[in-house]
Amino acid sequence: MGKSIDLLQGTLDLLILKTLALEPMHGWGIAQRIQQVSQDVLQVQQGSLYPALYRLEQQGWIEAEWGASENNRRAKYYCLTSRGRKQLERETSNWARLSAAISQVLETAS
């Protein structure tokens, strides 16, 4: 099992938006999905997750409402707004450009 990687703020925002594009989820579920899909490489800490969710909600990119979790506990469920979908498209495009440019530099530097 490889070492987990800390996420930069903008990267975490992008991963949260992408996760919520699939279905509404509560915070713990978002963290679990990111960890699971990344095969345990990306682990989202509570201290980073909840400030990011708050920030995304303040931006109007996600909305939250209270509901019952799988174990019947009260949980805040987050979903993507139409503004959030547009932001996800922008961020995905920016990420593709950035990662391609970084790859280009790394390949050239070898």
PDB file of N, CA and C in Angstrom:
ATOM      1  N   MET A   1       0.856  -1.182   0.000  1.00  0.00           N
ATOM      2  CA  MET A   1       0.000   0.000   0.000  1.00  0.00           C
ATOM      3  C   MET A   1       0.895   1.235   0.000  1.00  0.00           C
ATOM      4  N   GLY A   2       0.657   2.146  -0.939  1.00  0.00           N
ATOM      5  CA  GLY A   2       1.459   3.362  -1.047  1.00  0.00           C
ATOM      6  C   GLY A   2       1.097   4.379   0.019  1.00  0.00           C
ATOM      7  N   LYS A   3       1.911   5.395   0.092  1.00  0.00           N
ATOM      8  CA  LYS A   3       1.696   6.472   1.048  1.00  0.00           C
ATOM      9  C   LYS A   3       0.577   7.385   0.556  1.00  0.00           C
ATOM     10  N   SER A   4      -0.248   7.886   1.462  1.00  0.00           N
ATOM     11  CA  SER A   4      -1.313   8.808   1.061  1.00  0.00           C
ATOM     12  C   SER A   4      -0.707  10.180   0.778  1.00  0.00           C
ATOM     13  N   ILE A   5      -1.427  10.968  -0.002  1.00  0.00           N
ATOM     14  CA  ILE A   5      -0.946  12.274  -0.433  1.00  0.00           C
ATOM     15  C   ILE A   5      -1.865  13.358   0.109  1.00  0.00           C
ATOM     16  N   ASP A   6      -1.276  14.419   0.658  1.00  0.00           N
ATOM     17  CA  ASP A   6      -2.070  15.560   1.110  1.00  0.00           C
ATOM     18  C   ASP A   6      -2.572  16.323  -0.102  1.00  0.00           C
ATOM     19  N   LEU A   7      -3.784  16.839  -0.007  1.00  0.00           N
ATOM     20  CA  LEU A   7      -4.400  17.548  -1.123  1.00  0.00           C
ATOM     21  C   LEU A   7      -4.298  19.050  -0.962  1.00  0.00           C
ATOM     22  N   LEU A   8      -3.996  19.751  -2.040  1.00  0.00           N
ATOM     23  CA  LEU A   8      -4.036  21.202  -2.043  1.00  0.00           C
ATOM     24  C   LEU A   8      -5.489  21.644  -2.031  1.00  0.00           C
ATOM     25  N   GLN A   9      -5.745  22.836  -1.521  1.00  0.00           N
ATOM     26  CA  GLN A   9      -7.108  23.321  -1.377  1.00  0.00           C
ATOM     27  C   GLN A   9      -7.906  23.262  -2.683  1.00  0.00           C
ATOM     28  N   GLY A  10      -7.377  23.789  -3.767  1.00  0.00           N
ATOM     29  CA  GLY A  10      -8.099  23.802  -5.038  1.00  0.00           C
ATOM     30  C   GLY A  10      -8.371  22.410  -5.555  1.00  0.00           C
ATOM     31  N   THR A  11      -7.426  21.503  -5.314  1.00  0.00           N
ATOM     32  CA  THR A  11      -7.592  20.119  -5.754  1.00  0.00           C
ATOM     33  C   THR A  11      -8.701  19.444  -4.963  1.00  0.00           C
ATOM     34  N   LEU A  12      -8.737  19.681  -3.669  1.00  0.00           N
ATOM     35  CA  LEU A  12      -9.785  19.115  -2.825  1.00  0.00           C
ATOM     36  C   LEU A  12     -11.148  19.621  -3.280  1.00  0.00           C
ATOM     37  N   ASP A  13     -11.253  20.909  -3.574  1.00  0.00           N
ATOM     38  CA  ASP A  13     -12.523  21.470  -4.046  1.00  0.00           C
ATOM     39  C   ASP A  13     -12.987  20.748  -5.307  1.00  0.00           C
ATOM     40  N   LEU A  14     -12.073  20.545  -6.241  1.00  0.00           N
ATOM     41  CA  LEU A  14     -12.392  19.869  -7.498  1.00  0.00           C
ATOM     42  C   LEU A  14     -12.879  18.442  -7.233  1.00  0.00           C
ATOM     43  N   LEU A  15     -12.202  17.723  -6.352  1.00  0.00           N
ATOM     44  CA  LEU A  15     -12.601  16.346  -6.055  1.00  0.00           C
ATOM     45  C   LEU A  15     -13.956  16.279  -5.361  1.00  0.00           C
ATOM     46  N   ILE A  16     -14.239  17.237  -4.498  1.00  0.00           N
ATOM     47  CA  ILE A  16     -15.554  17.281  -3.840  1.00  0.00           C
ATOM     48  C   ILE A  16     -16.641  17.544  -4.875  1.00  0.00           C
ATOM     49  N   LEU A  17     -16.418  18.533  -5.747  1.00  0.00           N
ATOM     50  CA  LEU A  17     -17.412  18.838  -6.784  1.00  0.00           C
ATOM     51  C   LEU A  17     -17.665  17.627  -7.671  1.00  0.00           C
ATOM     52  N   LYS A  18     -16.598  16.939  -8.066  1.00  0.00           N
ATOM     53  CA  LYS A  18     -16.735  15.755  -8.921  1.00  0.00           C
ATOM     54  C   LYS A  18     -17.506  14.659  -8.202  1.00  0.00           C
ATOM     55  N   THR A  19     -17.208  14.452  -6.938  1.00  0.00           N
ATOM     56  CA  THR A  19     -17.889  13.419  -6.154  1.00  0.00           C
ATOM     57  C   THR A  19     -19.377  13.722  -6.044  1.00  0.00           C
ATOM     58  N   LEU A  20     -19.709  14.985  -5.811  1.00  0.00           N
ATOM     59  CA  LEU A  20     -21.114  15.369  -5.660  1.00  0.00           C
ATOM     60  C   LEU A  20     -21.851  15.423  -6.994  1.00  0.00           C
ATOM     61  N   ALA A  21     -21.123  15.456  -8.114  1.00  0.00           N
ATOM     62  CA  ALA A  21     -21.772  15.417  -9.427  1.00  0.00           C
ATOM     63  C   ALA A  21     -22.435  14.054  -9.636  1.00  0.00           C
ATOM     64  N   LEU A  22     -21.947  13.047  -8.934  1.00  0.00           N
ATOM     65  CA  LEU A  22     -22.498  11.697  -9.076  1.00  0.00           C
ATOM     66  C   LEU A  22     -23.786  11.522  -8.276  1.00  0.00           C
ATOM     67  N   GLU A  23     -23.799  12.034  -7.046  1.00  0.00           N
ATOM     68  CA  GLU A  23     -24.986  11.931  -6.187  1.00  0.00           C
ATOM     69  C   GLU A  23     -24.775  12.751  -4.923  1.00  0.00           C
ATOM     70  N   PRO A  24     -25.865  13.189  -4.279  1.00  0.00           N
ATOM     71  CA  PRO A  24     -25.725  13.900  -2.995  1.00  0.00           C
ATOM     72  C   PRO A  24     -25.116  12.972  -1.949  1.00  0.00           C
ATOM     73  N   MET A  25     -24.285  13.538  -1.083  1.00  0.00           N
ATOM     74  CA  MET A  25     -23.625  12.735  -0.050  1.00  0.00           C
ATOM     75  C   MET A  25     -23.388  13.579   1.191  1.00  0.00           C
ATOM     76  N   HIS A  26     -23.194  12.897   2.316  1.00  0.00           N
ATOM     77  CA  HIS A  26     -22.781  13.595   3.532  1.00  0.00           C
ATOM     78  C   HIS A  26     -21.258  13.633   3.563  1.00  0.00           C
ATOM     79  N   GLY A  27     -20.705  14.464   4.433  1.00  0.00           N
ATOM     80  CA  GLY A  27     -19.269  14.701   4.468  1.00  0.00           C
ATOM     81  C   GLY A  27     -18.425  13.450   4.574  1.00  0.00           C
ATOM     82  N   TRP A  28     -18.754  12.575   5.511  1.00  0.00           N
ATOM     83  CA  TRP A  28     -17.970  11.364   5.693  1.00  0.00           C
ATOM     84  C   TRP A  28     -18.015  10.508   4.434  1.00  0.00           C
ATOM     85  N   GLY A  29     -19.184  10.461   3.776  1.00  0.00           N
ATOM     86  CA  GLY A  29     -19.328   9.691   2.541  1.00  0.00           C
ATOM     87  C   GLY A  29     -18.463  10.245   1.421  1.00  0.00           C
ATOM     88  N   ILE A  30     -18.342  11.568   1.357  1.00  0.00           N
ATOM     89  CA  ILE A  30     -17.492  12.209   0.349  1.00  0.00           C
ATOM     90  C   ILE A  30     -16.035  11.781   0.556  1.00  0.00           C
ATOM     91  N   ALA A  31     -15.571  11.870   1.788  1.00  0.00           N
ATOM     92  CA  ALA A  31     -14.193  11.489   2.112  1.00  0.00           C
ATOM     93  C   ALA A  31     -13.945  10.022   1.785  1.00  0.00           C
ATOM     94  N   GLN A  32     -14.899   9.162   2.128  1.00  0.00           N
ATOM     95  CA  GLN A  32     -14.768   7.724   1.858  1.00  0.00           C
ATOM     96  C   GLN A  32     -14.717   7.443   0.360  1.00  0.00           C
ATOM     97  N   ARG A  33     -15.586   8.119  -0.416  1.00  0.00           N
ATOM     98  CA  ARG A  33     -15.627   7.898  -1.869  1.00  0.00           C
ATOM     99  C   ARG A  33     -14.302   8.298  -2.514  1.00  0.00           C
ATOM    100  N   ILE A  34     -13.761   9.459  -2.122  1.00  0.00           N
ATOM    101  CA  ILE A  34     -12.486   9.917  -2.690  1.00  0.00           C
ATOM    102  C   ILE A  34     -11.373   8.921  -2.350  1.00  0.00           C
ATOM    103  N   GLN A  35     -11.342   8.456  -1.116  1.00  0.00           N
ATOM    104  CA  GLN A  35     -10.322   7.497  -0.695  1.00  0.00           C
ATOM    105  C   GLN A  35     -10.481   6.182  -1.460  1.00  0.00           C
ATOM    106  N   GLN A  36     -11.711   5.718  -1.597  1.00  0.00           N
ATOM    107  CA  GLN A  36     -11.992   4.448  -2.268  1.00  0.00           C
ATOM    108  C   GLN A  36     -11.638   4.507  -3.754  1.00  0.00           C
ATOM    109  N   VAL A  37     -12.090   5.555  -4.447  1.00  0.00           N
ATOM    110  CA  VAL A  37     -11.843   5.676  -5.883  1.00  0.00           C
ATOM    111  C   VAL A  37     -10.348   5.839  -6.173  1.00  0.00           C
ATOM    112  N   SER A  38      -9.633   6.520  -5.279  1.00  0.00           N
ATOM    113  CA  SER A  38      -8.187   6.724  -5.471  1.00  0.00           C
ATOM    114  C   SER A  38      -7.365   5.530  -4.965  1.00  0.00           C
ATOM    115  N   GLN A  39      -8.038   4.471  -4.566  1.00  0.00           N
ATOM    116  CA  GLN A  39      -7.383   3.269  -4.028  1.00  0.00           C
ATOM    117  C   GLN A  39      -6.475   3.613  -2.849  1.00  0.00           C
ATOM    118  N   ASP A  40      -7.008   4.415  -1.942  1.00  0.00           N
ATOM    119  CA  ASP A  40      -6.362   4.811  -0.679  1.00  0.00           C
ATOM    120  C   ASP A  40      -5.172   5.752  -0.840  1.00  0.00           C
ATOM    121  N   VAL A  41      -4.932   6.279  -2.032  1.00  0.00           N
ATOM    122  CA  VAL A  41      -3.838   7.237  -2.210  1.00  0.00           C
ATOM    123  C   VAL A  41      -4.247   8.598  -1.660  1.00  0.00           C
ATOM    124  N   LEU A  42      -5.492   8.997  -1.915  1.00  0.00           N
ATOM    125  CA  LEU A  42      -5.981  10.295  -1.443  1.00  0.00           C
ATOM    126  C   LEU A  42      -6.846  10.091  -0.209  1.00  0.00           C
ATOM    127  N   GLN A  43      -6.416  10.694   0.896  1.00  0.00           N
ATOM    128  CA  GLN A  43      -7.183  10.610   2.134  1.00  0.00           C
ATOM    129  C   GLN A  43      -7.511  12.028   2.587  1.00  0.00           C
ATOM    130  N   VAL A  44      -8.793  12.305   2.707  1.00  0.00           N
ATOM    131  CA  VAL A  44      -9.254  13.645   3.073  1.00  0.00           C
ATOM    132  C   VAL A  44      -9.438  13.705   4.581  1.00  0.00           C
ATOM    133  N   GLN A  45      -8.721  14.608   5.207  1.00  0.00           N
ATOM    134  CA  GLN A  45      -8.817  14.782   6.660  1.00  0.00           C
ATOM    135  C   GLN A  45     -10.035  15.643   6.994  1.00  0.00           C
ATOM    136  N   GLN A  46     -10.660  15.343   8.122  1.00  0.00           N
ATOM    137  CA  GLN A  46     -11.841  16.107   8.565  1.00  0.00           C
ATOM    138  C   GLN A  46     -11.533  17.597   8.655  1.00  0.00           C
ATOM    139  N   GLY A  47     -10.306  17.919   9.105  1.00  0.00           N
ATOM    140  CA  GLY A  47      -9.904  19.314   9.273  1.00  0.00           C
ATOM    141  C   GLY A  47      -9.798  20.069   7.957  1.00  0.00           C
ATOM    142  N   SER A  48      -9.707  19.357   6.846  1.00  0.00           N
ATOM    143  CA  SER A  48      -9.691  19.979   5.518  1.00  0.00           C
ATOM    144  C   SER A  48     -11.063  19.899   4.856  1.00  0.00           C
ATOM    145  N   LEU A  49     -11.755  18.777   5.070  1.00  0.00           N
ATOM    146  CA  LEU A  49     -13.020  18.532   4.387  1.00  0.00           C
ATOM    147  C   LEU A  49     -14.100  19.541   4.747  1.00  0.00           C
ATOM    148  N   TYR A  50     -14.355  19.725   6.030  1.00  0.00           N
ATOM    149  CA  TYR A  50     -15.495  20.559   6.425  1.00  0.00           C
ATOM    150  C   TYR A  50     -15.289  22.042   6.112  1.00  0.00           C
ATOM    151  N   PRO A  51     -14.073  22.583   6.276  1.00  0.00           N
ATOM    152  CA  PRO A  51     -13.873  23.963   5.801  1.00  0.00           C
ATOM    153  C   PRO A  51     -14.077  24.084   4.280  1.00  0.00           C
ATOM    154  N   ALA A  52     -13.675  23.053   3.530  1.00  0.00           N
ATOM    155  CA  ALA A  52     -13.873  23.077   2.071  1.00  0.00           C
ATOM    156  C   ALA A  52     -15.360  23.038   1.737  1.00  0.00           C
ATOM    157  N   LEU A  53     -16.111  22.200   2.419  1.00  0.00           N
ATOM    158  CA  LEU A  53     -17.559  22.130   2.172  1.00  0.00           C
ATOM    159  C   LEU A  53     -18.218  23.472   2.493  1.00  0.00           C
ATOM    160  N   TYR A  54     -17.822  24.076   3.588  1.00  0.00           N
ATOM    161  CA  TYR A  54     -18.366  25.385   3.962  1.00  0.00           C
ATOM    162  C   TYR A  54     -18.040  26.423   2.881  1.00  0.00           C
ATOM    163  N   ARG A  55     -16.793  26.422   2.422  1.00  0.00           N
ATOM    164  CA  ARG A  55     -16.348  27.367   1.399  1.00  0.00           C
ATOM    165  C   ARG A  55     -17.136  27.176   0.091  1.00  0.00           C
ATOM    166  N   LEU A  56     -17.313  25.928  -0.318  1.00  0.00           N
ATOM    167  CA  LEU A  56     -18.050  25.640  -1.545  1.00  0.00           C
ATOM    168  C   LEU A  56     -19.519  26.041  -1.420  1.00  0.00           C
ATOM    169  N   GLU A  57     -20.069  25.872  -0.232  1.00  0.00           N
ATOM    170  CA  GLU A  57     -21.455  26.285   0.010  1.00  0.00           C
ATOM    171  C   GLU A  57     -21.568  27.811  -0.051  1.00  0.00           C
ATOM    172  N   GLN A  58     -20.599  28.518   0.515  1.00  0.00           N
ATOM    173  CA  GLN A  58     -20.597  29.985   0.476  1.00  0.00           C
ATOM    174  C   GLN A  58     -20.472  30.501  -0.959  1.00  0.00           C
ATOM    175  N   GLN A  59     -19.756  29.766  -1.809  1.00  0.00           N
ATOM    176  CA  GLN A  59     -19.599  30.143  -3.220  1.00  0.00           C
ATOM    177  C   GLN A  59     -20.878  29.882  -4.021  1.00  0.00           C
ATOM    178  N   GLY A  60     -21.797  29.116  -3.446  1.00  0.00           N
ATOM    179  CA  GLY A  60     -23.028  28.767  -4.158  1.00  0.00           C
ATOM    180  C   GLY A  60     -22.849  27.592  -5.105  1.00  0.00           C
ATOM    181  N   TRP A  61     -21.757  26.827  -4.925  1.00  0.00           N
ATOM    182  CA  TRP A  61     -21.486  25.692  -5.807  1.00  0.00           C
ATOM    183  C   TRP A  61     -22.100  24.393  -5.292  1.00  0.00           C
ATOM    184  N   ILE A  62     -22.384  24.355  -3.987  1.00  0.00           N
ATOM    185  CA  ILE A  62     -23.087  23.209  -3.408  1.00  0.00           C
ATOM    186  C   ILE A  62     -24.168  23.734  -2.463  1.00  0.00           C
ATOM    187  N   GLU A  63     -25.155  22.880  -2.210  1.00  0.00           N
ATOM    188  CA  GLU A  63     -26.205  23.176  -1.236  1.00  0.00           C
ATOM    189  C   GLU A  63     -26.255  22.026  -0.243  1.00  0.00           C
ATOM    190  N   ALA A  64     -26.776  22.307   0.941  1.00  0.00           N
ATOM    191  CA  ALA A  64     -26.850  21.265   1.965  1.00  0.00           C
ATOM    192  C   ALA A  64     -28.234  21.223   2.584  1.00  0.00           C
ATOM    193  N   GLU A  65     -28.637  20.024   2.953  1.00  0.00           N
ATOM    194  CA  GLU A  65     -29.853  19.875   3.758  1.00  0.00           C
ATOM    195  C   GLU A  65     -29.682  18.688   4.687  1.00  0.00           C
ATOM    196  N   TRP A  66     -30.367  18.745   5.807  1.00  0.00           N
ATOM    197  CA  TRP A  66     -30.237  17.700   6.806  1.00  0.00           C
ATOM    198  C   TRP A  66     -31.073  16.491   6.417  1.00  0.00           C
ATOM    199  N   GLY A  67     -30.531  15.302   6.693  1.00  0.00           N
ATOM    200  CA  GLY A  67     -31.241  14.049   6.445  1.00  0.00           C
ATOM    201  C   GLY A  67     -30.697  12.987   7.372  1.00  0.00           C
ATOM    202  N   ALA A  68     -31.189  11.769   7.203  1.00  0.00           N
ATOM    203  CA  ALA A  68     -30.728  10.646   8.030  1.00  0.00           C
ATOM    204  C   ALA A  68     -29.687   9.848   7.260  1.00  0.00           C
ATOM    205  N   SER A  69     -28.593   9.515   7.931  1.00  0.00           N
ATOM    206  CA  SER A  69     -27.527   8.724   7.313  1.00  0.00           C
ATOM    207  C   SER A  69     -27.917   7.243   7.313  1.00  0.00           C
ATOM    208  N   GLU A  70     -27.018   6.415   6.780  1.00  0.00           N
ATOM    209  CA  GLU A  70     -27.272   4.971   6.695  1.00  0.00           C
ATOM    210  C   GLU A  70     -27.547   4.360   8.070  1.00  0.00           C
ATOM    211  N   ASN A  71     -26.888   4.892   9.108  1.00  0.00           N
ATOM    212  CA  ASN A  71     -27.084   4.347  10.455  1.00  0.00           C
ATOM    213  C   ASN A  71     -28.081   5.182  11.269  1.00  0.00           C
ATOM    214  N   ASN A  72     -28.968   5.878  10.555  1.00  0.00           N
ATOM    215  CA  ASN A  72     -30.065   6.650  11.161  1.00  0.00           C
ATOM    216  C   ASN A  72     -29.610   7.823  12.021  1.00  0.00           C
ATOM    217  N   ARG A  73     -28.417   8.330  11.746  1.00  0.00           N
ATOM    218  CA  ARG A  73     -27.959   9.529  12.444  1.00  0.00           C
ATOM    219  C   ARG A  73     -28.267  10.731  11.580  1.00  0.00           C
ATOM    220  N   ARG A  74     -28.426  11.866  12.219  1.00  0.00           N
ATOM    221  CA  ARG A  74     -28.671  13.112  11.502  1.00  0.00           C
ATOM    222  C   ARG A  74     -27.375  13.530  10.798  1.00  0.00           C
ATOM    223  N   ALA A  75     -27.467  13.792   9.499  1.00  0.00           N
ATOM    224  CA  ALA A  75     -26.281  14.155   8.733  1.00  0.00           C
ATOM    225  C   ALA A  75     -26.645  15.236   7.715  1.00  0.00           C
ATOM    226  N   LYS A  76     -25.685  16.080   7.410  1.00  0.00           N
ATOM    227  CA  LYS A  76     -25.872  17.128   6.413  1.00  0.00           C
ATOM    228  C   LYS A  76     -25.483  16.553   5.056  1.00  0.00           C
ATOM    229  N   TYR A  77     -26.427  16.542   4.128  1.00  0.00           N
ATOM    230  CA  TYR A  77     -26.181  16.035   2.776  1.00  0.00           C
ATOM    231  C   TYR A  77     -25.932  17.203   1.835  1.00  0.00           C
ATOM    232  N   TYR A  78     -24.907  17.056   1.023  1.00  0.00           N
ATOM    233  CA  TYR A  78     -24.506  18.103   0.090  1.00  0.00           C
ATOM    234  C   TYR A  78     -24.827  17.669  -1.330  1.00  0.00           C
ATOM    235  N   CYS A  79     -25.242  18.624  -2.161  1.00  0.00           N
ATOM    236  CA  CYS A  79     -25.466  18.341  -3.577  1.00  0.00           C
ATOM    237  C   CYS A  79     -24.941  19.506  -4.402  1.00  0.00           C
ATOM    238  N   LEU A  80     -24.629  19.208  -5.642  1.00  0.00           N
ATOM    239  CA  LEU A  80     -24.091  20.197  -6.571  1.00  0.00           C
ATOM    240  C   LEU A  80     -25.209  21.092  -7.084  1.00  0.00           C
ATOM    241  N   THR A  81     -24.950  22.388  -7.194  1.00  0.00           N
ATOM    242  CA  THR A  81     -25.907  23.319  -7.798  1.00  0.00           C
ATOM    243  C   THR A  81     -25.551  23.471  -9.281  1.00  0.00           C
ATOM    244  N   SER A  82     -26.386  24.164 -10.035  1.00  0.00           N
ATOM    245  CA  SER A  82     -26.065  24.395 -11.454  1.00  0.00           C
ATOM    246  C   SER A  82     -24.793  25.234 -11.570  1.00  0.00           C
ATOM    247  N   ARG A  83     -24.614  26.193 -10.665  1.00  0.00           N
ATOM    248  CA  ARG A  83     -23.352  26.972 -10.645  1.00  0.00           C
ATOM    249  C   ARG A  83     -22.168  26.062 -10.344  1.00  0.00           C
ATOM    250  N   GLY A  84     -22.381  25.090  -9.482  1.00  0.00           N
ATOM    251  CA  GLY A  84     -21.335  24.138  -9.146  1.00  0.00           C
ATOM    252  C   GLY A  84     -20.954  23.264 -10.330  1.00  0.00           C
ATOM    253  N   ARG A  85     -21.952  22.880 -11.134  1.00  0.00           N
ATOM    254  CA  ARG A  85     -21.665  22.081 -12.339  1.00  0.00           C
ATOM    255  C   ARG A  85     -20.815  22.876 -13.330  1.00  0.00           C
ATOM    256  N   LYS A  86     -21.136  24.150 -13.487  1.00  0.00           N
ATOM    257  CA  LYS A  86     -20.340  25.004 -14.385  1.00  0.00           C
ATOM    258  C   LYS A  86     -18.920  25.155 -13.851  1.00  0.00           C
ATOM    259  N   GLN A  87     -18.788  25.328 -12.545  1.00  0.00           N
ATOM    260  CA  GLN A  87     -17.467  25.443 -11.929  1.00  0.00           C
ATOM    261  C   GLN A  87     -16.685  24.142 -12.101  1.00  0.00           C
ATOM    262  N   LEU A  88     -17.356  23.021 -11.944  1.00  0.00           N
ATOM    263  CA  LEU A  88     -16.703  21.719 -12.133  1.00  0.00           C
ATOM    264  C   LEU A  88     -16.163  21.601 -13.555  1.00  0.00           C
ATOM    265  N   GLU A  89     -16.928  22.033 -14.540  1.00  0.00           N
ATOM    266  CA  GLU A  89     -16.456  21.995 -15.930  1.00  0.00           C
ATOM    267  C   GLU A  89     -15.213  22.868 -16.110  1.00  0.00           C
ATOM    268  N   ARG A  90     -15.253  24.083 -15.543  1.00  0.00           N
ATOM    269  CA  ARG A  90     -14.095  24.985 -15.641  1.00  0.00           C
ATOM    270  C   ARG A  90     -12.869  24.384 -14.970  1.00  0.00           C
ATOM    271  N   GLU A  91     -13.065  23.897 -13.744  1.00  0.00           N
ATOM    272  CA  GLU A  91     -11.950  23.349 -12.975  1.00  0.00           C
ATOM    273  C   GLU A  91     -11.374  22.099 -13.631  1.00  0.00           C
ATOM    274  N   THR A  92     -12.233  21.264 -14.211  1.00  0.00           N
ATOM    275  CA  THR A  92     -11.769  20.056 -14.895  1.00  0.00           C
ATOM    276  C   THR A  92     -10.913  20.429 -16.091  1.00  0.00           C
ATOM    277  N   SER A  93     -11.354  21.430 -16.838  1.00  0.00           N
ATOM    278  CA  SER A  93     -10.599  21.915 -17.991  1.00  0.00           C
ATOM    279  C   SER A  93      -9.249  22.491 -17.554  1.00  0.00           C
ATOM    280  N   ASN A  94      -9.267  23.308 -16.500  1.00  0.00           N
ATOM    281  CA  ASN A  94      -8.027  23.887 -15.975  1.00  0.00           C
ATOM    282  C   ASN A  94      -7.076  22.789 -15.497  1.00  0.00           C
ATOM    283  N   TRP A  95      -7.619  21.776 -14.827  1.00  0.00           N
ATOM    284  CA  TRP A  95      -6.802  20.688 -14.321  1.00  0.00           C
ATOM    285  C   TRP A  95      -6.149  19.937 -15.483  1.00  0.00           C
ATOM    286  N   ALA A  96      -6.899  19.688 -16.536  1.00  0.00           N
ATOM    287  CA  ALA A  96      -6.350  18.977 -17.699  1.00  0.00           C
ATOM    288  C   ALA A  96      -5.187  19.769 -18.301  1.00  0.00           C
ATOM    289  N   ARG A  97      -5.356  21.084 -18.436  1.00  0.00           N
ATOM    290  CA  ARG A  97      -4.285  21.930 -18.985  1.00  0.00           C
ATOM    291  C   ARG A  97      -3.066  21.930 -18.073  1.00  0.00           C
ATOM    292  N   LEU A  98      -3.296  22.085 -16.783  1.00  0.00           N
ATOM    293  CA  LEU A  98      -2.207  22.122 -15.808  1.00  0.00           C
ATOM    294  C   LEU A  98      -1.443  20.803 -15.776  1.00  0.00           C
ATOM    295  N   SER A  99      -2.166  19.693 -15.681  1.00  0.00           N
ATOM    296  CA  SER A  99      -1.484  18.401 -15.585  1.00  0.00           C
ATOM    297  C   SER A  99      -0.738  18.071 -16.875  1.00  0.00           C
ATOM    298  N   ALA A 100      -1.280  18.463 -18.039  1.00  0.00           N
ATOM    299  CA  ALA A 100      -0.576  18.240 -19.299  1.00  0.00           C
ATOM    300  C   ALA A 100       0.711  19.060 -19.335  1.00  0.00           C
ATOM    301  N   ALA A 101       0.648  20.312 -18.864  1.00  0.00           N
ATOM    302  CA  ALA A 101       1.829  21.170 -18.860  1.00  0.00           C
ATOM    303  C   ALA A 101       2.902  20.630 -17.912  1.00  0.00           C
ATOM    304  N   ILE A 102       2.502  20.165 -16.748  1.00  0.00           N
ATOM    305  CA  ILE A 102       3.445  19.589 -15.787  1.00  0.00           C
ATOM    306  C   ILE A 102       4.081  18.334 -16.364  1.00  0.00           C
ATOM    307  N   SER A 103       3.269  17.483 -16.978  1.00  0.00           N
ATOM    308  CA  SER A 103       3.801  16.271 -17.608  1.00  0.00           C
ATOM    309  C   SER A 103       4.816  16.608 -18.680  1.00  0.00           C
ATOM    310  N   GLN A 104       4.521  17.635 -19.464  1.00  0.00           N
ATOM    311  CA  GLN A 104       5.432  18.069 -20.520  1.00  0.00           C
ATOM    312  C   GLN A 104       6.791  18.493 -19.937  1.00  0.00           C
ATOM    313  N   VAL A 105       6.744  19.268 -18.876  1.00  0.00           N
ATOM    314  CA  VAL A 105       7.983  19.719 -18.229  1.00  0.00           C
ATOM    315  C   VAL A 105       8.757  18.529 -17.668  1.00  0.00           C
ATOM    316  N   LEU A 106       8.070  17.605 -17.011  1.00  0.00           N
ATOM    317  CA  LEU A 106       8.752  16.443 -16.422  1.00  0.00           C
ATOM    318  C   LEU A 106       9.383  15.556 -17.498  1.00  0.00           C
ATOM    319  N   GLU A 107       8.680  15.381 -18.614  1.00  0.00           N
ATOM    320  CA  GLU A 107       9.212  14.550 -19.695  1.00  0.00           C
ATOM    321  C   GLU A 107      10.428  15.216 -20.337  1.00  0.00           C
ATOM    322  N   THR A 108      10.380  16.524 -20.495  1.00  0.00           N
ATOM    323  CA  THR A 108      11.477  17.269 -21.113  1.00  0.00           C
ATOM    324  C   THR A 108      12.695  17.299 -20.196  1.00  0.00           C
ATOM    325  N   ALA A 109      12.446  17.388 -18.895  1.00  0.00           N
ATOM    326  CA  ALA A 109      13.538  17.509 -17.945  1.00  0.00           C
ATOM    327  C   ALA A 109      14.327  16.214 -17.752  1.00  0.00           C
ATOM    328  N   SER A 110      13.794  15.094 -18.226  1.00  0.00           N
ATOM    329  CA  SER A 110      14.479  13.803 -18.013  1.00  0.00           C
ATOM    330  C   SER A 110      15.710  13.713 -18.834  1.00  0.00           C
TER     331      SER A 110
END
